[in-house]
Amino acid sequence: QVQLVESGGGLVQPGGSLRLSCAASGILFSMSGMGWYRQAPGKQRELVAVISSGGITNYADSAKGRFTISRDNAKNMVYLQMNSLKPEDTAVYYCNAKLRFWGQGTQVTVSS
């Protein structure tokens, strides 16, 4: 079955950086669009960034210029490099595959 396992979340101070990783299995990864979404308390889940099977990327306005999504097809991994983090980036971050499958999420907390 499809498994998406996120890692790399944690507590970071404003202005800091984190790199999230998502290990995928059970899908033809190289042919799958992948994405990162987030959900803050009391809010709906929202798109952060997506990357197509061909490496084309798209970002939410809130992520542009600060976050970078990338993929390693040889390792079945997708990453989210997050820089210049702000308190409003605090959320559970979810990996998504093919707009259909979800990971369990990893908590990111930005606080001093």
C-alpha atoms as a PDB file:
ATOM      1  CA  GLN A   1       0.000   0.000   0.000  1.00  0.00           C
ATOM      2  CA  VAL A   2       0.991   3.626  -0.328  1.00  0.00           C
ATOM      3  CA  GLN A   3       3.024   5.028   2.540  1.00  0.00           C
ATOM      4  CA  LEU A   4       4.226   8.582   2.981  1.00  0.00           C
ATOM      5  CA  VAL A   5       6.394   9.214   6.030  1.00  0.00           C
ATOM      6  CA  GLU A   6       7.324  12.768   6.937  1.00  0.00           C
ATOM      7  CA  SER A   7      10.224  13.818   9.138  1.00  0.00           C
ATOM      8  CA  GLY A   8      12.190  16.919  10.012  1.00  0.00           C
ATOM      9  CA  GLY A   9       9.656  18.976  11.907  1.00  0.00           C
ATOM     10  CA  GLY A  10      10.367  20.619  15.217  1.00  0.00           C
ATOM     11  CA  LEU A  11      10.661  23.840  17.154  1.00  0.00           C
ATOM     12  CA  VAL A  12      12.590  26.680  15.540  1.00  0.00           C
ATOM     13  CA  GLN A  13      13.007  30.369  16.301  1.00  0.00           C
ATOM     14  CA  PRO A  14      11.654  33.023  13.942  1.00  0.00           C
ATOM     15  CA  GLY A  15      14.070  33.526  11.073  1.00  0.00           C
ATOM     16  CA  GLY A  16      15.355  29.981  11.343  1.00  0.00           C
ATOM     17  CA  SER A  17      15.286  27.111   8.881  1.00  0.00           C
ATOM     18  CA  LEU A  18      13.996  23.567   8.718  1.00  0.00           C
ATOM     19  CA  ARG A  19      14.124  20.869   6.086  1.00  0.00           C
ATOM     20  CA  LEU A  20      11.198  18.491   5.885  1.00  0.00           C
ATOM     21  CA  SER A  21      11.559  15.108   4.230  1.00  0.00           C
ATOM     22  CA  CYS A  22       8.964  12.683   2.934  1.00  0.00           C
ATOM     23  CA  ALA A  23       9.763   9.072   2.126  1.00  0.00           C
ATOM     24  CA  ALA A  24       7.323   7.518  -0.324  1.00  0.00           C
ATOM     25  CA  SER A  25       6.610   3.881  -1.053  1.00  0.00           C
ATOM     26  CA  GLY A  26       3.910   1.925  -2.844  1.00  0.00           C
ATOM     27  CA  ILE A  27       3.682   4.338  -5.777  1.00  0.00           C
ATOM     28  CA  LEU A  28       5.534   4.824  -9.020  1.00  0.00           C
ATOM     29  CA  PHE A  29       7.304   7.787  -7.511  1.00  0.00           C
ATOM     30  CA  SER A  30       9.060   9.127 -10.583  1.00  0.00           C
ATOM     31  CA  MET A  31       5.709   9.469 -12.342  1.00  0.00           C
ATOM     32  CA  SER A  32       3.868  11.020  -9.382  1.00  0.00           C
ATOM     33  CA  GLY A  33       3.169  14.620  -8.598  1.00  0.00           C
ATOM     34  CA  MET A  34       4.087  15.368  -4.994  1.00  0.00           C
ATOM     35  CA  GLY A  35       3.250  18.181  -2.643  1.00  0.00           C
ATOM     36  CA  TRP A  36       3.438  19.686   0.796  1.00  0.00           C
ATOM     37  CA  TYR A  37       0.384  21.031   2.569  1.00  0.00           C
ATOM     38  CA  ARG A  38      -0.092  22.431   6.047  1.00  0.00           C
ATOM     39  CA  GLN A  39      -2.854  22.831   8.578  1.00  0.00           C
ATOM     40  CA  ALA A  40      -2.728  25.298  11.435  1.00  0.00           C
ATOM     41  CA  PRO A  41      -5.019  24.967  14.484  1.00  0.00           C
ATOM     42  CA  GLY A  42      -8.538  26.041  13.621  1.00  0.00           C
ATOM     43  CA  LYS A  43      -7.745  26.465   9.948  1.00  0.00           C
ATOM     44  CA  GLN A  44      -8.265  24.438   6.802  1.00  0.00           C
ATOM     45  CA  ARG A  45      -5.453  22.467   5.231  1.00  0.00           C
ATOM     46  CA  GLU A  46      -3.717  24.567   2.580  1.00  0.00           C
ATOM     47  CA  LEU A  47      -1.257  24.092  -0.219  1.00  0.00           C
ATOM     48  CA  VAL A  48       2.355  25.019   0.477  1.00  0.00           C
ATOM     49  CA  ALA A  49       4.188  23.723  -2.591  1.00  0.00           C
ATOM     50  CA  VAL A  50       3.874  21.094  -5.288  1.00  0.00           C
ATOM     51  CA  ILE A  51       6.289  19.501  -7.722  1.00  0.00           C
ATOM     52  CA  SER A  52       5.307  17.597 -10.820  1.00  0.00           C
ATOM     53  CA  SER A  53       6.856  14.367 -12.019  1.00  0.00           C
ATOM     54  CA  GLY A  54       8.868  16.503 -14.421  1.00  0.00           C
ATOM     55  CA  GLY A  55      10.135  18.811 -11.690  1.00  0.00           C
ATOM     56  CA  ILE A  56       7.871  21.787 -12.325  1.00  0.00           C
ATOM     57  CA  THR A  57       7.159  23.574  -9.060  1.00  0.00           C
ATOM     58  CA  ASN A  58       4.398  25.794  -7.775  1.00  0.00           C
ATOM     59  CA  TYR A  59       4.185  27.633  -4.468  1.00  0.00           C
ATOM     60  CA  ALA A  60       1.602  29.323  -2.333  1.00  0.00           C
ATOM     61  CA  ASP A  61       2.181  33.060  -2.162  1.00  0.00           C
ATOM     62  CA  SER A  62       3.116  32.677   1.514  1.00  0.00           C
ATOM     63  CA  ALA A  63       5.919  30.276   0.570  1.00  0.00           C
ATOM     64  CA  LYS A  64       7.393  32.026  -2.449  1.00  0.00           C
ATOM     65  CA  GLY A  65      10.961  33.180  -1.929  1.00  0.00           C
ATOM     66  CA  ARG A  66      11.316  31.343   1.390  1.00  0.00           C
ATOM     67  CA  PHE A  67      10.490  27.686   0.738  1.00  0.00           C
ATOM     68  CA  THR A  68      11.902  25.294  -1.863  1.00  0.00           C
ATOM     69  CA  ILE A  69      10.378  21.960  -2.815  1.00  0.00           C
ATOM     70  CA  SER A  70      12.576  19.336  -4.424  1.00  0.00           C
ATOM     71  CA  ARG A  71      12.560  15.635  -5.178  1.00  0.00           C
ATOM     72  CA  ASP A  72      15.027  12.781  -5.502  1.00  0.00           C
ATOM     73  CA  ASN A  73      13.514  10.113  -7.720  1.00  0.00           C
ATOM     74  CA  ALA A  74      16.374   7.706  -7.029  1.00  0.00           C
ATOM     75  CA  LYS A  75      15.492   7.736  -3.332  1.00  0.00           C
ATOM     76  CA  ASN A  76      11.709   8.186  -3.590  1.00  0.00           C
ATOM     77  CA  MET A  77      12.032  11.324  -1.476  1.00  0.00           C
ATOM     78  CA  VAL A  78      10.509  14.771  -1.585  1.00  0.00           C
ATOM     79  CA  TYR A  79      11.841  17.666   0.479  1.00  0.00           C
ATOM     80  CA  LEU A  80      10.715  21.070   1.661  1.00  0.00           C
ATOM     81  CA  GLN A  81      13.470  23.494   2.578  1.00  0.00           C
ATOM     82  CA  MET A  82      11.977  26.259   4.701  1.00  0.00           C
ATOM     83  CA  ASN A  83      13.971  29.422   5.387  1.00  0.00           C
ATOM     84  CA  SER A  84      13.143  32.687   7.135  1.00  0.00           C
ATOM     85  CA  LEU A  85      10.446  30.953   9.115  1.00  0.00           C
ATOM     86  CA  LYS A  86       7.723  33.031  10.731  1.00  0.00           C
ATOM     87  CA  PRO A  87       5.367  32.273  13.634  1.00  0.00           C
ATOM     88  CA  GLU A  88       2.516  32.067  11.116  1.00  0.00           C
ATOM     89  CA  ASP A  89       4.254  29.088   9.495  1.00  0.00           C
ATOM     90  CA  THR A  90       3.407  27.071  12.602  1.00  0.00           C
ATOM     91  CA  ALA A  91       1.304  24.103  11.489  1.00  0.00           C
ATOM     92  CA  VAL A  92       1.259  20.389  10.877  1.00  0.00           C
ATOM     93  CA  TYR A  93       2.894  19.794   7.511  1.00  0.00           C
ATOM     94  CA  TYR A  94       1.636  16.944   5.351  1.00  0.00           C
ATOM     95  CA  CYS A  95       3.191  15.194   2.397  1.00  0.00           C
ATOM     96  CA  ASN A  96       0.848  14.419  -0.475  1.00  0.00           C
ATOM     97  CA  ALA A  97       1.162  12.122  -3.464  1.00  0.00           C
ATOM     98  CA  LYS A  98      -0.931  12.327  -6.619  1.00  0.00           C
ATOM     99  CA  LEU A  99      -3.449  14.633  -4.898  1.00  0.00           C
ATOM    100  CA  ARG A 100      -4.758  11.477  -3.299  1.00  0.00           C
ATOM    101  CA  PHE A 101      -2.483  10.017  -0.631  1.00  0.00           C
ATOM    102  CA  TRP A 102      -1.424  11.663   2.624  1.00  0.00           C
ATOM    103  CA  GLY A 103       1.244  11.175   5.233  1.00  0.00           C
ATOM    104  CA  GLN A 104       0.625  11.406   8.962  1.00  0.00           C
ATOM    105  CA  GLY A 105       2.082  14.896   9.229  1.00  0.00           C
ATOM    106  CA  THR A 106       4.964  16.507  11.067  1.00  0.00           C
ATOM    107  CA  GLN A 107       4.629  19.432  13.463  1.00  0.00           C
ATOM    108  CA  VAL A 108       6.477  22.658  12.749  1.00  0.00           C
ATOM    109  CA  THR A 109       6.456  25.266  15.500  1.00  0.00           C
ATOM    110  CA  VAL A 110       8.041  28.674  14.983  1.00  0.00           C
ATOM    111  CA  SER A 111       8.391  30.480  18.265  1.00  0.00           C
ATOM    112  CA  SER A 112      10.907  32.350  20.353  1.00  0.00           C
END
